[in-house]
Structure formats: structure tokens, C-alpha cells
C-alpha atoms as a PDB file:
ATOM      1  CA  UNK A   1      -9.518  93.244  57.371  1.00  0.00           C
ATOM      2  CA  UNK A   2      -9.791  96.053  54.825  1.00  0.00           C
ATOM      3  CA  UNK A   3     -11.791  95.791  51.618  1.00  0.00           C
ATOM      4  CA  UNK A   4      -8.694  95.859  49.426  1.00  0.00           C
ATOM      5  CA  UNK A   5      -7.077  93.020  51.401  1.00  0.00           C
ATOM      6  CA  UNK A   6     -10.268  90.928  51.279  1.00  0.00           C
ATOM      7  CA  UNK A   7     -10.431  91.428  47.533  1.00  0.00           C
ATOM      8  CA  UNK A   8      -6.794  90.343  47.108  1.00  0.00           C
ATOM      9  CA  UNK A   9      -7.337  87.259  49.288  1.00  0.00           C
ATOM     10  CA  UNK A  10     -10.441  86.249  47.321  1.00  0.00           C
ATOM     11  CA  UNK A  11      -8.507  86.587  44.073  1.00  0.00           C
ATOM     12  CA  UNK A  12      -5.729  84.294  45.395  1.00  0.00           C
ATOM     13  CA  UNK A  13      -8.289  81.627  46.467  1.00  0.00           C
ATOM     14  CA  UNK A  14      -9.945  81.698  43.047  1.00  0.00           C
ATOM     15  CA  UNK A  15      -6.561  81.297  41.370  1.00  0.00           C
ATOM     16  CA  UNK A  16      -5.729  78.306  43.625  1.00  0.00           C
ATOM     17  CA  UNK A  17      -9.054  76.591  42.843  1.00  0.00           C
ATOM     18  CA  UNK A  18      -8.534  77.164  39.133  1.00  0.00           C
ATOM     19  CA  UNK A  19      -5.010  75.741  39.284  1.00  0.00           C
ATOM     20  CA  UNK A  20      -6.214  72.719  41.278  1.00  0.00           C
ATOM     21  CA  UNK A  21      -8.969  72.029  38.775  1.00  0.00           C
ATOM     22  CA  UNK A  22      -6.455  72.159  35.939  1.00  0.00           C
ATOM     23  CA  UNK A  23      -4.161  69.682  37.741  1.00  0.00           C
ATOM     24  CA  UNK A  24      -7.035  67.275  38.414  1.00  0.00           C
ATOM     25  CA  UNK A  25      -8.250  67.545  34.826  1.00  0.00           C
ATOM     26  CA  UNK A  26      -4.732  66.927  33.534  1.00  0.00           C
ATOM     27  CA  UNK A  27      -4.323  63.887  35.788  1.00  0.00           C
ATOM     28  CA  UNK A  28      -7.662  62.509  34.689  1.00  0.00           C
ATOM     29  CA  UNK A  29      -6.706  63.059  31.081  1.00  0.00           C
ATOM     30  CA  UNK A  30      -3.509  61.054  31.559  1.00  0.00           C
ATOM     31  CA  UNK A  31      -5.420  58.257  33.307  1.00  0.00           C
ATOM     32  CA  UNK A  32      -8.055  58.130  30.541  1.00  0.00           C
ATOM     33  CA  UNK A  33      -5.323  58.076  27.883  1.00  0.00           C
ATOM     34  CA  UNK A  34      -3.640  55.146  29.643  1.00  0.00           C
ATOM     35  CA  UNK A  35      -6.972  53.324  29.760  1.00  0.00           C
ATOM     36  CA  UNK A  36      -7.519  53.889  26.037  1.00  0.00           C
ATOM     37  CA  UNK A  37      -3.987  52.728  25.181  1.00  0.00           C
ATOM     38  CA  UNK A  38      -4.378  49.636  27.381  1.00  0.00           C
ATOM     39  CA  UNK A  39      -7.700  48.806  25.747  1.00  0.00           C
ATOM     40  CA  UNK A  40      -6.232  49.171  22.242  1.00  0.00           C
ATOM     41  CA  UNK A  41      -3.274  46.963  23.149  1.00  0.00           C
ATOM     42  CA  UNK A  42      -5.609  44.327  24.601  1.00  0.00           C
ATOM     43  CA  UNK A  43      -7.710  44.290  21.429  1.00  0.00           C
ATOM     44  CA  UNK A  44      -4.602  43.980  19.226  1.00  0.00           C
ATOM     45  CA  UNK A  45      -3.231  41.125  21.358  1.00  0.00           C
ATOM     46  CA  UNK A  46      -6.597  39.345  21.314  1.00  0.00           C
ATOM     47  CA  UNK A  47      -6.843  39.751  17.545  1.00  0.00           C
ATOM     48  CA  UNK A  48      -3.348  38.293  17.197  1.00  0.00           C
ATOM     49  CA  UNK A  49      -4.296  35.291  19.319  1.00  0.00           C
ATOM     50  CA  UNK A  50      -7.460  34.691  17.259  1.00  0.00           C
ATOM     51  CA  UNK A  51      -5.640  35.014  13.929  1.00  0.00           C
ATOM     52  CA  UNK A  52      -2.815  32.827  15.209  1.00  0.00           C
ATOM     53  CA  UNK A  53      -5.337  30.222  16.338  1.00  0.00           C
ATOM     54  CA  UNK A  54      -7.018  30.211  12.931  1.00  0.00           C
ATOM     55  CA  UNK A  55      -3.688  29.836  11.133  1.00  0.00           C
ATOM     56  CA  UNK A  56      -2.603  27.035  13.489  1.00  0.00           C
ATOM     57  CA  UNK A  57      -5.950  25.244  13.183  1.00  0.00           C
ATOM     58  CA  UNK A  58      -5.916  25.393   9.374  1.00  0.00           C
ATOM     59  CA  UNK A  59      -2.317  24.195   9.262  1.00  0.00           C
ATOM     60  CA  UNK A  60      -3.171  21.301  11.567  1.00  0.00           C
ATOM     61  CA  UNK A  61      -6.316  20.418   9.630  1.00  0.00           C
ATOM     62  CA  UNK A  62      -4.437  20.393   6.329  1.00  0.00           C
ATOM     63  CA  UNK A  63      -1.293  18.672   7.596  1.00  0.00           C
ATOM     64  CA  UNK A  64      -1.405  16.076   4.790  1.00  0.00           C
ATOM     65  CA  UNK A  65      -1.688  18.602   1.974  1.00  0.00           C
ATOM     66  CA  UNK A  66       1.238  18.338  -0.427  1.00  0.00           C
ATOM     67  CA  UNK A  67       2.814  15.536   1.608  1.00  0.00           C
ATOM     68  CA  UNK A  68       4.139  12.278   0.176  1.00  0.00           C
ATOM     69  CA  UNK A  69       2.772   9.107   1.758  1.00  0.00           C
ATOM     70  CA  UNK A  70       5.951   7.343   2.773  1.00  0.00           C
ATOM     71  CA  UNK A  71       6.224   3.676   1.786  1.00  0.00           C
ATOM     72  CA  UNK A  72       6.285   1.582   4.958  1.00  0.00           C
ATOM     73  CA  UNK A  73       9.483  -0.169   5.995  1.00  0.00           C
ATOM     74  CA  UNK A  74       9.823  -3.373   4.026  1.00  0.00           C
ATOM     75  CA  UNK A  75       7.110  -2.354   1.566  1.00  0.00           C
ATOM     76  CA  UNK A  76       9.358  -3.195  -1.381  1.00  0.00           C
ATOM     77  CA  UNK A  77      10.153  -6.664  -0.009  1.00  0.00           C
ATOM     78  CA  UNK A  78       8.575  -9.658  -1.678  1.00  0.00           C
ATOM     79  CA  UNK A  79       6.726 -12.360   0.237  1.00  0.00           C
ATOM     80  CA  UNK A  80       6.124 -16.021  -0.456  1.00  0.00           C
ATOM     81  CA  UNK A  81       2.475 -16.264   0.491  1.00  0.00           C
ATOM     82  CA  UNK A  82      -0.303 -15.728  -2.073  1.00  0.00           C
ATOM     83  CA  UNK A  83      -2.308 -12.517  -2.171  1.00  0.00           C
ATOM     84  CA  UNK A  84      -5.426 -11.989  -4.260  1.00  0.00           C
ATOM     85  CA  UNK A  85      -8.604  -9.941  -4.482  1.00  0.00           C
ATOM     86  CA  UNK A  86     -11.846 -11.869  -4.040  1.00  0.00           C
ATOM     87  CA  UNK A  87     -14.583  -9.380  -4.878  1.00  0.00           C
ATOM     88  CA  UNK A  88     -14.271  -6.642  -2.247  1.00  0.00           C
ATOM     89  CA  UNK A  89     -12.113  -8.776   0.063  1.00  0.00           C
ATOM     90  CA  UNK A  90      -8.347  -9.232  -0.149  1.00  0.00           C
ATOM     91  CA  UNK A  91      -7.175 -12.733   0.807  1.00  0.00           C
ATOM     92  CA  UNK A  92      -3.581 -13.227   1.924  1.00  0.00           C
ATOM     93  CA  UNK A  93      -1.905 -16.408   3.055  1.00  0.00           C
ATOM     94  CA  UNK A  94      -1.935 -20.131   2.544  1.00  0.00           C
ATOM     95  CA  UNK A  95      -5.415 -21.373   1.555  1.00  0.00           C
ATOM     96  CA  UNK A  96      -4.614 -24.553   3.517  1.00  0.00           C
ATOM     97  CA  UNK A  97      -3.880 -22.599   6.716  1.00  0.00           C
ATOM     98  CA  UNK A  98      -5.487 -24.090   9.812  1.00  0.00           C
ATOM     99  CA  UNK A  99      -6.944 -20.733  10.899  1.00  0.00           C
ATOM    100  CA  UNK A 100      -8.630 -17.931   8.960  1.00  0.00           C
ATOM    101  CA  UNK A 101      -9.575 -14.511  10.284  1.00  0.00           C
ATOM    102  CA  UNK A 102     -11.679 -11.797   8.687  1.00  0.00           C
ATOM    103  CA  UNK A 103     -10.521  -8.285   9.570  1.00  0.00           C
ATOM    104  CA  UNK A 104     -12.909  -5.366   8.977  1.00  0.00           C
ATOM    105  CA  UNK A 105     -11.090  -2.043   9.034  1.00  0.00           C
ATOM    106  CA  UNK A 106     -11.231   1.559   7.828  1.00  0.00           C
ATOM    107  CA  UNK A 107      -8.014   3.315   6.824  1.00  0.00           C
ATOM    108  CA  UNK A 108      -9.140   6.449   8.709  1.00  0.00           C
ATOM    109  CA  UNK A 109     -10.185   4.634  11.906  1.00  0.00           C
ATOM    110  CA  UNK A 110      -7.719   5.490  14.713  1.00  0.00           C
ATOM    111  CA  UNK A 111      -8.455   2.268  16.616  1.00  0.00           C
ATOM    112  CA  UNK A 112      -7.738   0.326  13.410  1.00  0.00           C
ATOM    113  CA  UNK A 113      -4.397   2.118  13.308  1.00  0.00           C
ATOM    114  CA  UNK A 114      -3.712   1.066  16.880  1.00  0.00           C
ATOM    115  CA  UNK A 115      -4.722  -2.512  16.054  1.00  0.00           C
ATOM    116  CA  UNK A 116      -2.329  -2.547  13.101  1.00  0.00           C
ATOM    117  CA  UNK A 117       0.471  -1.106  15.205  1.00  0.00           C
ATOM    118  CA  UNK A 118      -0.070  -3.663  17.970  1.00  0.00           C
ATOM    119  CA  UNK A 119      -0.715  -6.815  15.945  1.00  0.00           C
ATOM    120  CA  UNK A 120       0.153  -6.138  12.292  1.00  0.00           C
ATOM    121  CA  UNK A 121       3.643  -7.652  12.381  1.00  0.00           C
ATOM    122  CA  UNK A 122       2.497 -10.673  14.388  1.00  0.00           C
ATOM    123  CA  UNK A 123      -0.303 -11.344  11.904  1.00  0.00           C
ATOM    124  CA  UNK A 124       2.088 -11.100   8.948  1.00  0.00           C
ATOM    125  CA  UNK A 125       4.527 -13.443  10.687  1.00  0.00           C
ATOM    126  CA  UNK A 126       1.834 -16.100  11.141  1.00  0.00           C
ATOM    127  CA  UNK A 127       0.699 -15.632   7.547  1.00  0.00           C
ATOM    128  CA  UNK A 128       4.294 -16.091   6.434  1.00  0.00           C
ATOM    129  CA  UNK A 129       4.553 -19.288   8.484  1.00  0.00           C
ATOM    130  CA  UNK A 130       1.567 -20.656   6.595  1.00  0.00           C
ATOM    131  CA  UNK A 131      -0.621 -21.173   9.667  1.00  0.00           C
ATOM    132  CA  UNK A 132      -2.902 -18.169   9.195  1.00  0.00           C
ATOM    133  CA  UNK A 133      -4.959 -16.817   6.323  1.00  0.00           C
ATOM    134  CA  UNK A 134      -6.341 -13.268   6.491  1.00  0.00           C
ATOM    135  CA  UNK A 135      -9.368 -11.904   4.673  1.00  0.00           C
ATOM    136  CA  UNK A 136      -9.230  -8.101   4.803  1.00  0.00           C
ATOM    137  CA  UNK A 137     -12.431  -6.109   4.335  1.00  0.00           C
ATOM    138  CA  UNK A 138     -11.835  -2.397   3.649  1.00  0.00           C
ATOM    139  CA  UNK A 139     -15.012  -0.703   4.880  1.00  0.00           C
ATOM    140  CA  UNK A 140     -15.634   3.018   4.200  1.00  0.00           C
ATOM    141  CA  UNK A 141     -17.372   3.510   7.534  1.00  0.00           C
ATOM    142  CA  UNK A 142     -15.815   6.934   8.137  1.00  0.00           C
ATOM    143  CA  UNK A 143     -16.324   8.339   4.650  1.00  0.00           C
ATOM    144  CA  UNK A 144     -17.815  11.540   6.143  1.00  0.00           C
ATOM    145  CA  UNK A 145     -15.201  11.830   8.906  1.00  0.00           C
ATOM    146  CA  UNK A 146     -12.464  13.510   6.882  1.00  0.00           C
ATOM    147  CA  UNK A 147     -12.343  17.139   5.744  1.00  0.00           C
ATOM    148  CA  UNK A 148     -13.122  17.137   2.861  1.00  0.00           C
ATOM    149  CA  UNK A 149     -15.176  13.915   3.081  1.00  0.00           C
ATOM    150  CA  UNK A 150     -14.262  10.830   1.080  1.00  0.00           C
ATOM    151  CA  UNK A 151     -10.799   9.697   2.171  1.00  0.00           C
ATOM    152  CA  UNK A 152     -11.807   6.328   3.640  1.00  0.00           C
ATOM    153  CA  UNK A 153     -13.674   5.443   0.422  1.00  0.00           C
ATOM    154  CA  UNK A 154     -10.816   6.591  -1.820  1.00  0.00           C
ATOM    155  CA  UNK A 155      -8.289   4.635   0.260  1.00  0.00           C
ATOM    156  CA  UNK A 156     -10.412   1.454   0.253  1.00  0.00           C
ATOM    157  CA  UNK A 157     -10.872   1.653  -3.512  1.00  0.00           C
ATOM    158  CA  UNK A 158      -7.139   2.236  -4.050  1.00  0.00           C
ATOM    159  CA  UNK A 159      -6.233  -0.715  -1.804  1.00  0.00           C
ATOM    160  CA  UNK A 160      -8.433  -3.065  -3.851  1.00  0.00           C
ATOM    161  CA  UNK A 161      -6.760  -1.816  -7.021  1.00  0.00           C
ATOM    162  CA  UNK A 162      -3.358  -2.337  -5.399  1.00  0.00           C
ATOM    163  CA  UNK A 163      -4.365  -5.951  -4.697  1.00  0.00           C
ATOM    164  CA  UNK A 164      -4.938  -6.455  -8.427  1.00  0.00           C
ATOM    165  CA  UNK A 165      -1.335  -5.318  -8.910  1.00  0.00           C
ATOM    166  CA  UNK A 166       0.001  -7.730  -6.280  1.00  0.00           C
ATOM    167  CA  UNK A 167       0.914  -4.847  -3.958  1.00  0.00           C
ATOM    168  CA  UNK A 168      -1.861  -4.908  -1.398  1.00  0.00           C
ATOM    169  CA  UNK A 169       0.236  -5.578   1.722  1.00  0.00           C
ATOM    170  CA  UNK A 170       2.730  -2.836   0.861  1.00  0.00           C
ATOM    171  CA  UNK A 171      -0.049  -0.346   0.104  1.00  0.00           C
ATOM    172  CA  UNK A 172      -2.125  -1.326   3.155  1.00  0.00           C
ATOM    173  CA  UNK A 173       0.826  -1.094   5.560  1.00  0.00           C
ATOM    174  CA  UNK A 174       1.938   2.269   4.154  1.00  0.00           C
ATOM    175  CA  UNK A 175      -1.511   3.841   4.622  1.00  0.00           C
ATOM    176  CA  UNK A 176      -1.675   2.755   8.253  1.00  0.00           C
ATOM    177  CA  UNK A 177       1.938   3.801   8.905  1.00  0.00           C
ATOM    178  CA  UNK A 178       1.013   7.316   7.689  1.00  0.00           C
ATOM    179  CA  UNK A 179      -2.576   7.432   8.927  1.00  0.00           C
ATOM    180  CA  UNK A 180      -4.181  10.892   8.779  1.00  0.00           C
ATOM    181  CA  UNK A 181      -6.148  12.186  11.737  1.00  0.00           C
ATOM    182  CA  UNK A 182      -9.886  11.590  11.847  1.00  0.00           C
ATOM    183  CA  UNK A 183     -11.840  14.799  11.257  1.00  0.00           C
ATOM    184  CA  UNK A 184      -9.034  16.430   9.288  1.00  0.00           C
ATOM    185  CA  UNK A 185      -7.750  16.229   5.735  1.00  0.00           C
ATOM    186  CA  UNK A 186      -6.963  12.750   4.413  1.00  0.00           C
ATOM    187  CA  UNK A 187      -4.887  12.080   1.302  1.00  0.00           C
ATOM    188  CA  UNK A 188      -6.222  12.948  -2.129  1.00  0.00           C
ATOM    189  CA  UNK A 189      -6.330  10.629  -5.127  1.00  0.00           C
ATOM    190  CA  UNK A 190      -3.082  11.892  -6.618  1.00  0.00           C
ATOM    191  CA  UNK A 191      -1.276  11.216  -3.345  1.00  0.00           C
ATOM    192  CA  UNK A 192      -2.689   7.679  -3.329  1.00  0.00           C
ATOM    193  CA  UNK A 193      -1.536   7.186  -6.919  1.00  0.00           C
ATOM    194  CA  UNK A 194       1.963   8.382  -6.018  1.00  0.00           C
ATOM    195  CA  UNK A 195       2.082   5.905  -3.128  1.00  0.00           C
ATOM    196  CA  UNK A 196       1.213   3.199  -5.647  1.00  0.00           C
ATOM    197  CA  UNK A 197       4.198   4.227  -7.753  1.00  0.00           C
ATOM    198  CA  UNK A 198       6.444   4.242  -4.707  1.00  0.00           C
ATOM    199  CA  UNK A 199       5.549   0.656  -3.813  1.00  0.00           C
ATOM    200  CA  UNK A 200       6.084  -0.502  -7.385  1.00  0.00           C
ATOM    201  CA  UNK A 201       2.751  -0.071  -9.164  1.00  0.00           C
ATOM    202  CA  UNK A 202       3.365   1.279 -12.645  1.00  0.00           C
ATOM    203  CA  UNK A 203       0.192   0.397 -14.554  1.00  0.00           C
ATOM    204  CA  UNK A 204      -2.076   3.045 -15.998  1.00  0.00           C
ATOM    205  CA  UNK A 205      -5.066   0.940 -14.908  1.00  0.00           C
ATOM    206  CA  UNK A 206      -4.265   1.569 -11.240  1.00  0.00           C
ATOM    207  CA  UNK A 207      -4.093   5.363 -11.647  1.00  0.00           C
ATOM    208  CA  UNK A 208      -7.237   5.446 -13.768  1.00  0.00           C
ATOM    209  CA  UNK A 209      -9.064   3.237 -11.269  1.00  0.00           C
ATOM    210  CA  UNK A 210      -8.135   5.503  -8.345  1.00  0.00           C
ATOM    211  CA  UNK A 211      -9.250   8.627 -10.193  1.00  0.00           C
ATOM    212  CA  UNK A 212     -12.491   7.054 -11.445  1.00  0.00           C
ATOM    213  CA  UNK A 213     -13.415   5.257  -8.199  1.00  0.00           C
ATOM    214  CA  UNK A 214     -13.700   1.797  -9.772  1.00  0.00           C
ATOM    215  CA  UNK A 215     -15.085   0.094  -6.651  1.00  0.00           C
ATOM    216  CA  UNK A 216     -16.782   3.084  -4.995  1.00  0.00           C
ATOM    217  CA  UNK A 217     -20.376   2.047  -5.663  1.00  0.00           C
ATOM    218  CA  UNK A 218     -19.777  -1.559  -4.611  1.00  0.00           C
ATOM    219  CA  UNK A 219     -17.975  -0.484  -1.438  1.00  0.00           C
ATOM    220  CA  UNK A 220     -20.843   1.805  -0.416  1.00  0.00           C
ATOM    221  CA  UNK A 221     -23.382  -0.989  -0.906  1.00  0.00           C
ATOM    222  CA  UNK A 222     -21.168  -3.450   0.964  1.00  0.00           C
ATOM    223  CA  UNK A 223     -20.870  -1.016   3.866  1.00  0.00           C
ATOM    224  CA  UNK A 224     -24.677  -0.925   4.118  1.00  0.00           C
ATOM    225  CA  UNK A 225     -24.837  -4.728   4.123  1.00  0.00           C
ATOM    226  CA  UNK A 226     -22.133  -5.065   6.770  1.00  0.00           C
ATOM    227  CA  UNK A 227     -23.726  -2.453   9.029  1.00  0.00           C
ATOM    228  CA  UNK A 228     -27.021  -4.367   8.912  1.00  0.00           C
ATOM    229  CA  UNK A 229     -25.493  -7.825   9.495  1.00  0.00           C
ATOM    230  CA  UNK A 230     -26.514  -8.981  13.013  1.00  0.00           C
ATOM    231  CA  UNK A 231     -23.596 -11.440  13.162  1.00  0.00           C
ATOM    232  CA  UNK A 232     -21.189  -8.489  13.106  1.00  0.00           C
ATOM    233  CA  UNK A 233     -22.889  -6.548  15.893  1.00  0.00           C
ATOM    234  CA  UNK A 234     -21.186  -6.163  19.238  1.00  0.00           C
ATOM    235  CA  UNK A 235     -21.753  -4.207  22.440  1.00  0.00           C
ATOM    236  CA  UNK A 236     -19.430  -1.270  23.027  1.00  0.00           C
ATOM    237  CA  UNK A 237     -18.202   0.119  26.380  1.00  0.00           C
ATOM    238  CA  UNK A 238     -20.821   2.888  26.288  1.00  0.00           C
ATOM    239  CA  UNK A 239     -23.565   0.248  26.119  1.00  0.00           C
ATOM    240  CA  UNK A 240     -24.497   0.847  22.487  1.00  0.00           C
ATOM    241  CA  UNK A 241     -24.700  -2.087  20.122  1.00  0.00           C
ATOM    242  CA  UNK A 242     -23.821  -2.223  16.435  1.00  0.00           C
ATOM    243  CA  UNK A 243     -20.980  -2.660  13.982  1.00  0.00           C
ATOM    244  CA  UNK A 244     -17.644  -0.952  14.492  1.00  0.00           C
ATOM    245  CA  UNK A 245     -14.082  -1.073  13.248  1.00  0.00           C
ATOM    246  CA  UNK A 246     -11.852  -2.888  13.717  1.00  0.00           C
ATOM    247  CA  UNK A 247     -13.773  -6.133  13.929  1.00  0.00           C
ATOM    248  CA  UNK A 248     -12.066  -9.529  13.817  1.00  0.00           C
ATOM    249  CA  UNK A 249     -14.059 -12.660  13.037  1.00  0.00           C
ATOM    250  CA  UNK A 250     -12.956 -16.295  13.052  1.00  0.00           C
ATOM    251  CA  UNK A 251     -15.113 -19.312  12.363  1.00  0.00           C
ATOM    252  CA  UNK A 252     -18.242 -17.149  12.385  1.00  0.00           C
ATOM    253  CA  UNK A 253     -17.610 -15.567  15.795  1.00  0.00           C
ATOM    254  CA  UNK A 254     -16.285 -12.135  16.748  1.00  0.00           C
ATOM    255  CA  UNK A 255     -12.862 -12.364  18.360  1.00  0.00           C
ATOM    256  CA  UNK A 256     -11.947 -10.098  21.268  1.00  0.00           C
ATOM    257  CA  UNK A 257      -8.438  -8.697  20.860  1.00  0.00           C
ATOM    258  CA  UNK A 258      -8.350  -6.985  24.256  1.00  0.00           C
ATOM    259  CA  UNK A 259      -6.146  -9.876  25.358  1.00  0.00           C
ATOM    260  CA  UNK A 260      -2.663  -9.375  23.862  1.00  0.00           C
ATOM    261  CA  UNK A 261      -2.382 -13.153  23.416  1.00  0.00           C
ATOM    262  CA  UNK A 262      -5.588 -13.433  21.387  1.00  0.00           C
ATOM    263  CA  UNK A 263      -3.903 -14.557  18.173  1.00  0.00           C
ATOM    264  CA  UNK A 264      -1.715 -17.221  19.803  1.00  0.00           C
ATOM    265  CA  UNK A 265      -4.745 -18.562  21.653  1.00  0.00           C
ATOM    266  CA  UNK A 266      -6.804 -18.567  18.468  1.00  0.00           C
ATOM    267  CA  UNK A 267      -4.114 -20.495  16.596  1.00  0.00           C
ATOM    268  CA  UNK A 268      -3.690 -22.930  19.501  1.00  0.00           C
ATOM    269  CA  UNK A 269      -7.399 -23.770  19.427  1.00  0.00           C
END
């Protein structure tokens, strides 16, 4: 092979290598660009999920904000049995009733809500028949379990004020029928005042008492007393012992309501 031909062949090989390198570089560039675009898209999608989660969480947490507490069915109806406040306890029913129960409950307690849903109507029926008297203790046990804190105390105070207006049952039933979720926003004082209006409370004293927390200090002290009362202690499924809501007491003994027939059996005895 002559020198000129070798030179020409060498030039062609160099050109081919150069072209191949350019193709590889171009392909790599496209691949890197795709990786960058994919990474950017992934970050944007992730950011959207995070922001969406925050918006959803805040909306869920504040579900009660701006809402009206609906008056429970039959809240406007009148009843024949007496209803009065006795200190921090609301007593409903015939004082000559053969059976009396004390019910300790917190308006934020989800198990109290379940208790009311399961047995509330049956209890009211027996009260109406004159065979049962109920002493309701509103205990602010979960005062720190709303966001912001304070709903269970505000609700207990408002319920006592509603009792002074002769509207305790209507107010009590409406709060449980529209129970907020534990750990999230409860209802504020103005919402509680509006519920009072909706069940027929028109006095300025009720609104002022809700805003000023008339019974707050007494309720807090009563909660401390109840929590330290050994007669109200019980053992829970996890083995711990103490006071919890709801608690039902009759004739000085705690009543188990795990049996659906507990009230009929109590009345029969």
C-alpha cells in the first residue's frame, strides 16, 4: 500500500472515530436530559402530594370551623319530667324514681358519644316513664385533647348554663349528635352560644356565662376530685386502673354497660 493511500485511509478512520464520538456524546446528552426532566417532574409531583396532604390535614383538623351545631331531632320538644342543676350535676327525672344512675361523661370523649348513641334514647324513655332518675356529671377530662385546647371545658360550662335555662337535655343531645373528633378542633364559644339560641335559650345571662366561663374553675377542681376518688376507679382492658369516661354508677357501684341489657337488668333489680 502506497504512502498516499495509507494517509487517506488513516484520515477516513479518524473521521469515523470522531463521528462515532459525537453520536455517543449526543445520545448521552439526550439520556442525561431525560434523567433531569424525570427528576424535576418527580420533585414537582412529590411537592404537590405534600402540599395537598397539608391542605387536607388542615381542612380535616378544622372541620368544625364556621359550622353551625345542628339542634338534635326533638330538641325543641318539651318533656314532662323535672330537670334542674344541683351544683355541677344536672338531675333529670322523677325524684321518686326507684332507680338513680350517675353518668360521668365528657362531650369530646368518643366512647361517651358511642354510649349516648347506643343508650341515650332508652335512658330518656325510662326517665319519661318515671322509673329512672339521671344525675349527669360533665367532666372536662379531655380539656387538652382538642386543637386548640379547651373544648370539653367550654362545652361542660355551657351545658350547666343551659340547665339553668331549662334546656339541658336539648343542649346535651345536640352536642353529642354533632360531636367533634378528639384531637381536632372543637366548637368555639360563639358556636355554643348559637346552639343555645337554636334550642330556645334567649337570655343574655347564658351568652355572658359561656363567654366568661362561669363554672370553669369549679369544673377543673371537680375533675381533680373525681380523678382521685377511689370509688370511681376501674380496671381497663390494657390493665391500667383509674377513672375514665363514660362511667355509670348506681347505688354506689360502677355499672358495666358492656351488656346491652344493663339498664333493664338494673331497673329489674
